[in-house]
Amino acid sequence: MGEDAVTDIVDRSIGIYQSDLSSCFRRTINPFWWIAKLVTWIVSLPFKLLGTIGFNQKKAEESLLGKIIKGLLYLIMVFASLLTILDLLGLLDGFKKISK
């Protein structure tokens, strides 16, 4: 690999990062992006635990049961977040009355 090839790779990398700069900035200041990252991390914790104790983490996550568990955990997290937001806005009591 000559020095021209290395320079080409570096130049292409710089171009990729420059083209993604505005999207990267929006993601960095967007709280919903960070919340989604946190929820994804929390949902993956049971599978990381399985990987730690010796099971194949990737295989467990990609199995049908693993996908169902991940989906249920996502729904629980979204529902809990919604209830927390309603409580912080003082709307939870009204939501409880509507749901009865």
Protein backbone atom coordinates (compact mmCIF):
# COMPACT_ATOMS: atom_id res chain seq x y z
CA MET A 1 0.00 0.00 0.00
CA GLY A 2 1.62 3.23 -1.15
CA GLU A 3 1.39 6.63 0.43
CA ASP A 4 -1.17 7.74 -2.19
CA ALA A 5 -3.50 4.94 -1.10
CA VAL A 6 -3.18 5.98 2.54
CA THR A 7 -3.84 9.62 1.64
CA ASP A 8 -6.91 8.57 -0.39
CA ILE A 9 -8.31 6.62 2.56
CA VAL A 10 -7.75 9.55 4.92
CA ASP A 11 -9.33 11.99 2.44
CA ARG A 12 -12.38 9.74 2.01
CA SER A 13 -12.71 9.44 5.79
CA ILE A 14 -12.58 13.21 6.21
CA GLY A 15 -15.27 13.58 3.53
CA ILE A 16 -17.53 11.08 5.26
CA TYR A 17 -17.18 12.86 8.59
CA GLN A 18 -17.76 16.28 7.01
CA SER A 19 -20.91 15.09 5.22
CA ASP A 20 -22.26 13.70 8.51
CA LEU A 21 -21.36 16.79 10.56
CA SER A 22 -24.80 18.45 10.56
CA SER A 23 -26.60 15.17 11.36
CA CYS A 24 -24.08 14.46 14.09
CA PHE A 25 -24.65 17.88 15.67
CA ARG A 26 -28.44 17.42 15.60
CA ARG A 27 -28.11 13.99 17.24
CA THR A 28 -25.80 15.39 19.91
CA ILE A 29 -28.23 18.07 21.06
CA ASN A 30 -31.41 16.00 20.59
CA PRO A 31 -32.57 14.64 23.97
CA PHE A 32 -34.82 12.04 22.32
CA TRP A 33 -31.80 10.49 20.59
CA TRP A 34 -30.05 10.13 23.96
CA ILE A 35 -33.21 8.71 25.57
CA ALA A 36 -33.44 6.13 22.76
CA LYS A 37 -29.79 5.20 23.33
CA LEU A 38 -30.46 4.79 27.07
CA VAL A 39 -33.57 2.67 26.50
CA THR A 40 -31.69 0.47 24.02
CA TRP A 41 -28.87 0.03 26.54
CA ILE A 42 -31.29 -0.87 29.36
CA VAL A 43 -33.16 -3.36 27.15
CA SER A 44 -29.89 -5.05 26.18
CA LEU A 45 -28.79 -5.54 29.82
CA PRO A 46 -30.43 -8.98 30.30
CA PHE A 47 -28.68 -10.24 27.17
CA LYS A 48 -25.35 -8.78 28.29
CA LEU A 49 -25.82 -10.66 31.55
CA LEU A 50 -26.39 -13.87 29.59
CA GLY A 51 -23.21 -13.18 27.63
CA THR A 52 -21.29 -12.58 30.85
CA ILE A 53 -22.29 -15.93 32.32
CA GLY A 54 -21.25 -17.80 29.19
CA PHE A 55 -24.19 -17.93 26.81
CA ASN A 56 -24.02 -16.67 23.23
CA GLN A 57 -25.40 -13.12 23.61
CA LYS A 58 -25.89 -12.46 19.90
CA LYS A 59 -27.70 -15.76 19.34
CA ALA A 60 -29.96 -15.12 22.36
CA GLU A 61 -30.87 -11.64 21.10
CA GLU A 62 -31.59 -12.87 17.56
CA SER A 63 -33.76 -15.81 18.61
CA LEU A 64 -37.55 -15.53 18.43
CA LEU A 65 -37.87 -15.57 22.22
CA GLY A 66 -35.13 -12.95 22.51
CA LYS A 67 -36.89 -10.67 20.04
CA ILE A 68 -40.17 -11.07 21.92
CA ILE A 69 -38.48 -10.25 25.22
CA LYS A 70 -36.75 -7.21 23.71
CA GLY A 71 -40.05 -6.01 22.24
CA LEU A 72 -41.84 -6.39 25.56
CA LEU A 73 -39.04 -4.57 27.39
CA TYR A 74 -39.22 -1.72 24.86
CA LEU A 75 -42.99 -1.45 25.33
CA ILE A 76 -42.62 -1.45 29.12
CA MET A 77 -39.96 1.27 28.92
CA VAL A 78 -42.06 3.43 26.58
CA PHE A 79 -45.17 3.01 28.75
CA ALA A 80 -43.22 3.80 31.94
CA SER A 81 -41.69 6.87 30.26
CA LEU A 82 -45.12 8.05 29.15
CA LEU A 83 -46.51 7.66 32.68
CA THR A 84 -43.51 9.51 34.12
CA ILE A 85 -43.95 12.38 31.67
CA LEU A 86 -47.66 12.60 32.45
CA ASP A 87 -46.85 12.64 36.17
CA LEU A 88 -44.23 15.39 35.78
CA LEU A 89 -46.71 17.48 33.79
CA GLY A 90 -49.37 16.94 36.43
CA LEU A 91 -51.63 15.11 33.99
CA LEU A 92 -51.42 11.63 35.48
CA ASP A 93 -54.51 12.05 37.68
CA GLY A 94 -56.55 13.09 34.65
CA PHE A 95 -55.22 10.11 32.72
CA LYS A 96 -56.21 7.79 35.58
CA LYS A 97 -59.78 9.19 35.53
CA ILE A 98 -60.05 8.74 31.75
CA SER A 99 -58.77 5.16 31.86
CA LYS A 100 -61.36 4.05 34.47
